[in-house]
Amino acid sequence: MNEKLKIIAKAGIELFCGLLIVTSYLDHYGPWIYCPVIFTVAAFRTIFEGYIDLTLIMFILAYQIQNFIVNLIDFAFF
């Protein structure tokens, strides 16, 4: 468990540095939202691999995205 946390911390630092480099060249800040969310999901799956199934993650993400789109359309038109 301790080794997994070290790897996740190192990967988080690399992700942060990579995002700084990417956004220094581009004016697009979308990766600052998307990448940490995906990284967090992957980190939780690595730490709690016995409890979090990939199928469950995909179902929850698909449900949340669909719910967001429906609410966004509802907000935009009404």
PDB file of N, CA and C in Angstrom:
ATOM      1  N   MET A   1       0.830  -1.198   0.000  1.00  0.00           N
ATOM      2  CA  MET A   1       0.000   0.000   0.000  1.00  0.00           C
ATOM      3  C   MET A   1       0.873   1.260   0.000  1.00  0.00           C
ATOM      4  N   ASN A   2       1.931   1.254   0.774  1.00  0.00           N
ATOM      5  CA  ASN A   2       2.808   2.413   0.852  1.00  0.00           C
ATOM      6  C   ASN A   2       3.480   2.697  -0.494  1.00  0.00           C
ATOM      7  N   GLU A   3       3.879   1.639  -1.190  1.00  0.00           N
ATOM      8  CA  GLU A   3       4.508   1.800  -2.506  1.00  0.00           C
ATOM      9  C   GLU A   3       3.521   2.381  -3.520  1.00  0.00           C
ATOM     10  N   LYS A   4       2.257   1.965  -3.438  1.00  0.00           N
ATOM     11  CA  LYS A   4       1.229   2.504  -4.338  1.00  0.00           C
ATOM     12  C   LYS A   4       1.043   3.999  -4.121  1.00  0.00           C
ATOM     13  N   LEU A   5       1.058   4.433  -2.871  1.00  0.00           N
ATOM     14  CA  LEU A   5       0.879   5.849  -2.580  1.00  0.00           C
ATOM     15  C   LEU A   5       2.059   6.676  -3.095  1.00  0.00           C
ATOM     16  N   LYS A   6       3.259   6.128  -3.007  1.00  0.00           N
ATOM     17  CA  LYS A   6       4.428   6.825  -3.545  1.00  0.00           C
ATOM     18  C   LYS A   6       4.314   6.990  -5.060  1.00  0.00           C
ATOM     19  N   ILE A   7       3.869   5.945  -5.730  1.00  0.00           N
ATOM     20  CA  ILE A   7       3.721   6.006  -7.186  1.00  0.00           C
ATOM     21  C   ILE A   7       2.624   7.003  -7.571  1.00  0.00           C
ATOM     22  N   ILE A   8       1.521   7.010  -6.836  1.00  0.00           N
ATOM     23  CA  ILE A   8       0.418   7.935  -7.124  1.00  0.00           C
ATOM     24  C   ILE A   8       0.861   9.376  -6.881  1.00  0.00           C
ATOM     25  N   ALA A   9       1.620   9.619  -5.809  1.00  0.00           N
ATOM     26  CA  ALA A   9       2.105  10.971  -5.531  1.00  0.00           C
ATOM     27  C   ALA A   9       3.061  11.439  -6.627  1.00  0.00           C
ATOM     28  N   LYS A  10       3.949  10.547  -7.044  1.00  0.00           N
ATOM     29  CA  LYS A  10       4.886  10.901  -8.122  1.00  0.00           C
ATOM     30  C   LYS A  10       4.128  11.180  -9.418  1.00  0.00           C
ATOM     31  N   ALA A  11       3.129  10.371  -9.723  1.00  0.00           N
ATOM     32  CA  ALA A  11       2.331  10.577 -10.934  1.00  0.00           C
ATOM     33  C   ALA A  11       1.544  11.885 -10.852  1.00  0.00           C
ATOM     34  N   GLY A  12       1.056  12.243  -9.654  1.00  0.00           N
ATOM     35  CA  GLY A  12       0.349  13.508  -9.489  1.00  0.00           C
ATOM     36  C   GLY A  12       1.239  14.708  -9.747  1.00  0.00           C
ATOM     37  N   ILE A  13       2.492  14.628  -9.276  1.00  0.00           N
ATOM     38  CA  ILE A  13       3.444  15.704  -9.536  1.00  0.00           C
ATOM     39  C   ILE A  13       3.743  15.801 -11.029  1.00  0.00           C
ATOM     40  N   GLU A  14       3.924  14.660 -11.685  1.00  0.00           N
ATOM     41  CA  GLU A  14       4.180  14.657 -13.125  1.00  0.00           C
ATOM     42  C   GLU A  14       2.979  15.193 -13.901  1.00  0.00           C
ATOM     43  N   LEU A  15       1.778  14.854 -13.455  1.00  0.00           N
ATOM     44  CA  LEU A  15       0.566  15.369 -14.104  1.00  0.00           C
ATOM     45  C   LEU A  15       0.509  16.889 -13.979  1.00  0.00           C
ATOM     46  N   PHE A  16       0.779  17.400 -12.786  1.00  0.00           N
ATOM     47  CA  PHE A  16       0.745  18.836 -12.556  1.00  0.00           C
ATOM     48  C   PHE A  16       1.775  19.549 -13.427  1.00  0.00           C
ATOM     49  N   CYS A  17       2.985  19.026 -13.490  1.00  0.00           N
ATOM     50  CA  CYS A  17       4.034  19.634 -14.324  1.00  0.00           C
ATOM     51  C   CYS A  17       3.660  19.571 -15.805  1.00  0.00           C
ATOM     52  N   GLY A  18       3.116  18.447 -16.231  1.00  0.00           N
ATOM     53  CA  GLY A  18       2.685  18.308 -17.620  1.00  0.00           C
ATOM     54  C   GLY A  18       1.581  19.283 -17.976  1.00  0.00           C
ATOM     55  N   LEU A  19       0.630  19.477 -17.071  1.00  0.00           N
ATOM     56  CA  LEU A  19      -0.450  20.432 -17.321  1.00  0.00           C
ATOM     57  C   LEU A  19       0.075  21.860 -17.371  1.00  0.00           C
ATOM     58  N   LEU A  20       1.061  22.174 -16.536  1.00  0.00           N
ATOM     59  CA  LEU A  20       1.666  23.508 -16.594  1.00  0.00           C
ATOM     60  C   LEU A  20       2.333  23.756 -17.937  1.00  0.00           C
ATOM     61  N   ILE A  21       3.033  22.737 -18.445  1.00  0.00           N
ATOM     62  CA  ILE A  21       3.705  22.881 -19.737  1.00  0.00           C
ATOM     63  C   ILE A  21       2.693  23.025 -20.862  1.00  0.00           C
ATOM     64  N   VAL A  22       1.659  22.202 -20.844  1.00  0.00           N
ATOM     65  CA  VAL A  22       0.647  22.253 -21.908  1.00  0.00           C
ATOM     66  C   VAL A  22      -0.071  23.591 -21.910  1.00  0.00           C
ATOM     67  N   THR A  23      -0.481  24.075 -20.746  1.00  0.00           N
ATOM     68  CA  THR A  23      -1.240  25.326 -20.718  1.00  0.00           C
ATOM     69  C   THR A  23      -0.353  26.550 -20.895  1.00  0.00           C
ATOM     70  N   SER A  24       0.970  26.388 -20.793  1.00  0.00           N
ATOM     71  CA  SER A  24       1.833  27.532 -21.089  1.00  0.00           C
ATOM     72  C   SER A  24       1.906  27.778 -22.595  1.00  0.00           C
ATOM     73  N   TYR A  25       1.691  26.734 -23.398  1.00  0.00           N
ATOM     74  CA  TYR A  25       1.709  26.865 -24.852  1.00  0.00           C
ATOM     75  C   TYR A  25       0.324  27.095 -25.440  1.00  0.00           C
ATOM     76  N   LEU A  26      -0.694  26.634 -24.761  1.00  0.00           N
ATOM     77  CA  LEU A  26      -2.063  26.761 -25.262  1.00  0.00           C
ATOM     78  C   LEU A  26      -2.876  27.640 -24.326  1.00  0.00           C
ATOM     79  N   ASP A  27      -3.900  28.263 -24.847  1.00  0.00           N
ATOM     80  CA  ASP A  27      -4.803  29.056 -24.015  1.00  0.00           C
ATOM     81  C   ASP A  27      -6.039  28.258 -23.607  1.00  0.00           C
ATOM     82  N   HIS A  28      -5.960  26.971 -23.726  1.00  0.00           N
ATOM     83  CA  HIS A  28      -7.084  26.083 -23.418  1.00  0.00           C
ATOM     84  C   HIS A  28      -6.866  25.461 -22.033  1.00  0.00           C
ATOM     85  N   TYR A  29      -7.817  25.663 -21.131  1.00  0.00           N
ATOM     86  CA  TYR A  29      -7.674  25.165 -19.765  1.00  0.00           C
ATOM     87  C   TYR A  29      -8.563  23.957 -19.481  1.00  0.00           C
ATOM     88  N   GLY A  30      -9.095  23.335 -20.515  1.00  0.00           N
ATOM     89  CA  GLY A  30      -9.919  22.139 -20.350  1.00  0.00           C
ATOM     90  C   GLY A  30      -9.199  20.976 -19.695  1.00  0.00           C
ATOM     91  N   PRO A  31      -7.914  20.759 -20.005  1.00  0.00           N
ATOM     92  CA  PRO A  31      -7.204  19.652 -19.354  1.00  0.00           C
ATOM     93  C   PRO A  31      -7.098  19.790 -17.830  1.00  0.00           C
ATOM     94  N   TRP A  32      -7.177  21.014 -17.306  1.00  0.00           N
ATOM     95  CA  TRP A  32      -7.124  21.199 -15.854  1.00  0.00           C
ATOM     96  C   TRP A  32      -8.372  20.651 -15.174  1.00  0.00           C
ATOM     97  N   ILE A  33      -9.432  20.491 -15.912  1.00  0.00           N
ATOM     98  CA  ILE A  33     -10.653  19.897 -15.349  1.00  0.00           C
ATOM     99  C   ILE A  33     -10.660  18.392 -15.597  1.00  0.00           C
ATOM    100  N   TYR A  34     -10.395  18.011 -16.815  1.00  0.00           N
ATOM    101  CA  TYR A  34     -10.526  16.609 -17.219  1.00  0.00           C
ATOM    102  C   TYR A  34      -9.442  15.711 -16.610  1.00  0.00           C
ATOM    103  N   CYS A  35      -8.202  16.100 -16.741  1.00  0.00           N
ATOM    104  CA  CYS A  35      -7.088  15.229 -16.326  1.00  0.00           C
ATOM    105  C   CYS A  35      -7.065  14.915 -14.830  1.00  0.00           C
ATOM    106  N   PRO A  36      -7.246  15.898 -13.932  1.00  0.00           N
ATOM    107  CA  PRO A  36      -7.260  15.539 -12.507  1.00  0.00           C
ATOM    108  C   PRO A  36      -8.425  14.628 -12.110  1.00  0.00           C
ATOM    109  N   VAL A  37      -9.559  14.773 -12.788  1.00  0.00           N
ATOM    110  CA  VAL A  37     -10.696  13.892 -12.478  1.00  0.00           C
ATOM    111  C   VAL A  37     -10.375  12.450 -12.876  1.00  0.00           C
ATOM    112  N   ILE A  38      -9.842  12.268 -14.068  1.00  0.00           N
ATOM    113  CA  ILE A  38      -9.475  10.923 -14.515  1.00  0.00           C
ATOM    114  C   ILE A  38      -8.362  10.356 -13.650  1.00  0.00           C
ATOM    115  N   PHE A  39      -7.391  11.191 -13.276  1.00  0.00           N
ATOM    116  CA  PHE A  39      -6.295  10.755 -12.411  1.00  0.00           C
ATOM    117  C   PHE A  39      -6.820  10.322 -11.043  1.00  0.00           C
ATOM    118  N   THR A  40      -7.770  11.069 -10.493  1.00  0.00           N
ATOM    119  CA  THR A  40      -8.346  10.728  -9.192  1.00  0.00           C
ATOM    120  C   THR A  40      -9.092   9.406  -9.254  1.00  0.00           C
ATOM    121  N   VAL A  41      -9.866   9.203 -10.303  1.00  0.00           N
ATOM    122  CA  VAL A  41     -10.579   7.931 -10.463  1.00  0.00           C
ATOM    123  C   VAL A  41      -9.595   6.768 -10.565  1.00  0.00           C
ATOM    124  N   ALA A  42      -8.533   6.944 -11.343  1.00  0.00           N
ATOM    125  CA  ALA A  42      -7.533   5.889 -11.489  1.00  0.00           C
ATOM    126  C   ALA A  42      -6.790   5.645 -10.176  1.00  0.00           C
ATOM    127  N   ALA A  43      -6.516   6.712  -9.422  1.00  0.00           N
ATOM    128  CA  ALA A  43      -5.829   6.550  -8.140  1.00  0.00           C
ATOM    129  C   ALA A  43      -6.701   5.800  -7.138  1.00  0.00           C
ATOM    130  N   PHE A  44      -7.984   6.158  -7.065  1.00  0.00           N
ATOM    131  CA  PHE A  44      -8.884   5.439  -6.161  1.00  0.00           C
ATOM    132  C   PHE A  44      -9.020   3.973  -6.561  1.00  0.00           C
ATOM    133  N   ARG A  45      -9.044   3.737  -7.865  1.00  0.00           N
ATOM    134  CA  ARG A  45      -9.136   2.349  -8.321  1.00  0.00           C
ATOM    135  C   ARG A  45      -7.871   1.577  -7.968  1.00  0.00           C
ATOM    136  N   THR A  46      -6.723   2.218  -7.998  1.00  0.00           N
ATOM    137  CA  THR A  46      -5.474   1.564  -7.633  1.00  0.00           C
ATOM    138  C   THR A  46      -5.417   1.275  -6.140  1.00  0.00           C
ATOM    139  N   ILE A  47      -5.850   2.219  -5.328  1.00  0.00           N
ATOM    140  CA  ILE A  47      -5.794   2.043  -3.876  1.00  0.00           C
ATOM    141  C   ILE A  47      -6.848   1.050  -3.395  1.00  0.00           C
ATOM    142  N   PHE A  48      -8.060   1.181  -3.877  1.00  0.00           N
ATOM    143  CA  PHE A  48      -9.173   0.332  -3.432  1.00  0.00           C
ATOM    144  C   PHE A  48      -9.571  -0.638  -4.535  1.00  0.00           C
ATOM    145  N   GLU A  49      -8.623  -1.398  -5.045  1.00  0.00           N
ATOM    146  CA  GLU A  49      -8.893  -2.261  -6.190  1.00  0.00           C
ATOM    147  C   GLU A  49      -9.892  -3.370  -5.890  1.00  0.00           C
ATOM    148  N   GLY A  50     -10.041  -3.753  -4.647  1.00  0.00           N
ATOM    149  CA  GLY A  50     -10.995  -4.793  -4.303  1.00  0.00           C
ATOM    150  C   GLY A  50     -12.432  -4.306  -4.258  1.00  0.00           C
ATOM    151  N   TYR A  51     -12.609  -2.999  -4.126  1.00  0.00           N
ATOM    152  CA  TYR A  51     -13.945  -2.446  -3.958  1.00  0.00           C
ATOM    153  C   TYR A  51     -14.478  -1.725  -5.193  1.00  0.00           C
ATOM    154  N   ILE A  52     -13.591  -1.198  -6.007  1.00  0.00           N
ATOM    155  CA  ILE A  52     -14.021  -0.416  -7.168  1.00  0.00           C
ATOM    156  C   ILE A  52     -13.751  -1.219  -8.436  1.00  0.00           C
ATOM    157  N   ASP A  53     -14.808  -1.525  -9.131  1.00  0.00           N
ATOM    158  CA  ASP A  53     -14.733  -2.294 -10.359  1.00  0.00           C
ATOM    159  C   ASP A  53     -14.746  -1.341 -11.553  1.00  0.00           C
ATOM    160  N   LEU A  54     -14.061  -1.696 -12.613  1.00  0.00           N
ATOM    161  CA  LEU A  54     -14.000  -0.841 -13.798  1.00  0.00           C
ATOM    162  C   LEU A  54     -15.375  -0.665 -14.419  1.00  0.00           C
ATOM    163  N   THR A  55     -16.191  -1.700 -14.407  1.00  0.00           N
ATOM    164  CA  THR A  55     -17.549  -1.600 -14.955  1.00  0.00           C
ATOM    165  C   THR A  55     -18.374  -0.601 -14.155  1.00  0.00           C
ATOM    166  N   LEU A  56     -18.224  -0.610 -12.845  1.00  0.00           N
ATOM    167  CA  LEU A  56     -18.937   0.343 -11.997  1.00  0.00           C
ATOM    168  C   LEU A  56     -18.498   1.768 -12.298  1.00  0.00           C
ATOM    169  N   ILE A  57     -17.215   1.976 -12.481  1.00  0.00           N
ATOM    170  CA  ILE A  57     -16.705   3.310 -12.793  1.00  0.00           C
ATOM    171  C   ILE A  57     -17.269   3.794 -14.123  1.00  0.00           C
ATOM    172  N   MET A  58     -17.255   2.925 -15.130  1.00  0.00           N
ATOM    173  CA  MET A  58     -17.767   3.314 -16.442  1.00  0.00           C
ATOM    174  C   MET A  58     -19.261   3.641 -16.368  1.00  0.00           C
ATOM    175  N   PHE A  59     -20.029   2.870 -15.605  1.00  0.00           N
ATOM    176  CA  PHE A  59     -21.455   3.127 -15.462  1.00  0.00           C
ATOM    177  C   PHE A  59     -21.697   4.469 -14.776  1.00  0.00           C
ATOM    178  N   ILE A  60     -20.965   4.734 -13.699  1.00  0.00           N
ATOM    179  CA  ILE A  60     -21.143   5.991 -12.970  1.00  0.00           C
ATOM    180  C   ILE A  60     -20.755   7.181 -13.836  1.00  0.00           C
ATOM    181  N   LEU A  61     -19.639   7.083 -14.550  1.00  0.00           N
ATOM    182  CA  LEU A  61     -19.228   8.179 -15.424  1.00  0.00           C
ATOM    183  C   LEU A  61     -20.227   8.411 -16.555  1.00  0.00           C
ATOM    184  N   ALA A  62     -20.705   7.344 -17.169  1.00  0.00           N
ATOM    185  CA  ALA A  62     -21.686   7.492 -18.250  1.00  0.00           C
ATOM    186  C   ALA A  62     -22.980   8.118 -17.730  1.00  0.00           C
ATOM    187  N   TYR A  63     -23.418   7.680 -16.548  1.00  0.00           N
ATOM    188  CA  TYR A  63     -24.637   8.232 -15.953  1.00  0.00           C
ATOM    189  C   TYR A  63     -24.457   9.711 -15.638  1.00  0.00           C
ATOM    190  N   GLN A  64     -23.321  10.080 -15.051  1.00  0.00           N
ATOM    191  CA  GLN A  64     -23.089  11.471 -14.685  1.00  0.00           C
ATOM    192  C   GLN A  64     -22.989  12.378 -15.922  1.00  0.00           C
ATOM    193  N   ILE A  65     -22.333  11.893 -16.961  1.00  0.00           N
ATOM    194  CA  ILE A  65     -22.221  12.684 -18.188  1.00  0.00           C
ATOM    195  C   ILE A  65     -23.589  12.877 -18.828  1.00  0.00           C
ATOM    196  N   GLN A  66     -24.371  11.812 -18.881  1.00  0.00           N
ATOM    197  CA  GLN A  66     -25.711  11.909 -19.456  1.00  0.00           C
ATOM    198  C   GLN A  66     -26.575  12.853 -18.621  1.00  0.00           C
ATOM    199  N   ASN A  67     -26.491  12.760 -17.320  1.00  0.00           N
ATOM    200  CA  ASN A  67     -27.270  13.622 -16.443  1.00  0.00           C
ATOM    201  C   ASN A  67     -26.852  15.082 -16.613  1.00  0.00           C
ATOM    202  N   PHE A  68     -25.559  15.333 -16.751  1.00  0.00           N
ATOM    203  CA  PHE A  68     -25.069  16.688 -16.966  1.00  0.00           C
ATOM    204  C   PHE A  68     -25.587  17.269 -18.274  1.00  0.00           C
ATOM    205  N   ILE A  69     -25.565  16.480 -19.338  1.00  0.00           N
ATOM    206  CA  ILE A  69     -26.030  16.959 -20.645  1.00  0.00           C
ATOM    207  C   ILE A  69     -27.518  17.268 -20.611  1.00  0.00           C
ATOM    208  N   VAL A  70     -28.295  16.405 -19.996  1.00  0.00           N
ATOM    209  CA  VAL A  70     -29.743  16.635 -19.903  1.00  0.00           C
ATOM    210  C   VAL A  70     -30.023  17.903 -19.099  1.00  0.00           C
ATOM    211  N   ASN A  71     -29.346  18.073 -17.975  1.00  0.00           N
ATOM    212  CA  ASN A  71     -29.568  19.277 -17.163  1.00  0.00           C
ATOM    213  C   ASN A  71     -29.079  20.535 -17.870  1.00  0.00           C
ATOM    214  N   LEU A  72     -28.007  20.436 -18.628  1.00  0.00           N
ATOM    215  CA  LEU A  72     -27.515  21.576 -19.374  1.00  0.00           C
ATOM    216  C   LEU A  72     -28.494  22.009 -20.453  1.00  0.00           C
ATOM    217  N   ILE A  73     -29.055  21.051 -21.167  1.00  0.00           N
ATOM    218  CA  ILE A  73     -30.055  21.361 -22.197  1.00  0.00           C
ATOM    219  C   ILE A  73     -31.301  21.961 -21.545  1.00  0.00           C
ATOM    220  N   ASP A  74     -31.725  21.397 -20.424  1.00  0.00           N
ATOM    221  CA  ASP A  74     -32.889  21.910 -19.714  1.00  0.00           C
ATOM    222  C   ASP A  74     -32.637  23.352 -19.239  1.00  0.00           C
ATOM    223  N   PHE A  75     -31.451  23.607 -18.720  1.00  0.00           N
ATOM    224  CA  PHE A  75     -31.101  24.944 -18.256  1.00  0.00           C
ATOM    225  C   PHE A  75     -31.031  25.927 -19.419  1.00  0.00           C
ATOM    226  N   ALA A  76     -30.507  25.505 -20.557  1.00  0.00           N
ATOM    227  CA  ALA A  76     -30.333  26.394 -21.692  1.00  0.00           C
ATOM    228  C   ALA A  76     -31.666  26.787 -22.321  1.00  0.00           C
ATOM    229  N   PHE A  77     -32.610  25.860 -22.371  1.00  0.00           N
ATOM    230  CA  PHE A  77     -33.870  26.159 -23.055  1.00  0.00           C
ATOM    231  C   PHE A  77     -34.981  26.634 -22.133  1.00  0.00           C
ATOM    232  N   PHE A  78     -34.904  26.315 -20.858  1.00  0.00           N
ATOM    233  CA  PHE A  78     -35.986  26.709 -19.961  1.00  0.00           C
ATOM    234  C   PHE A  78     -35.428  27.530 -18.831  1.00  0.00           C
TER     235      PHE A  78
END
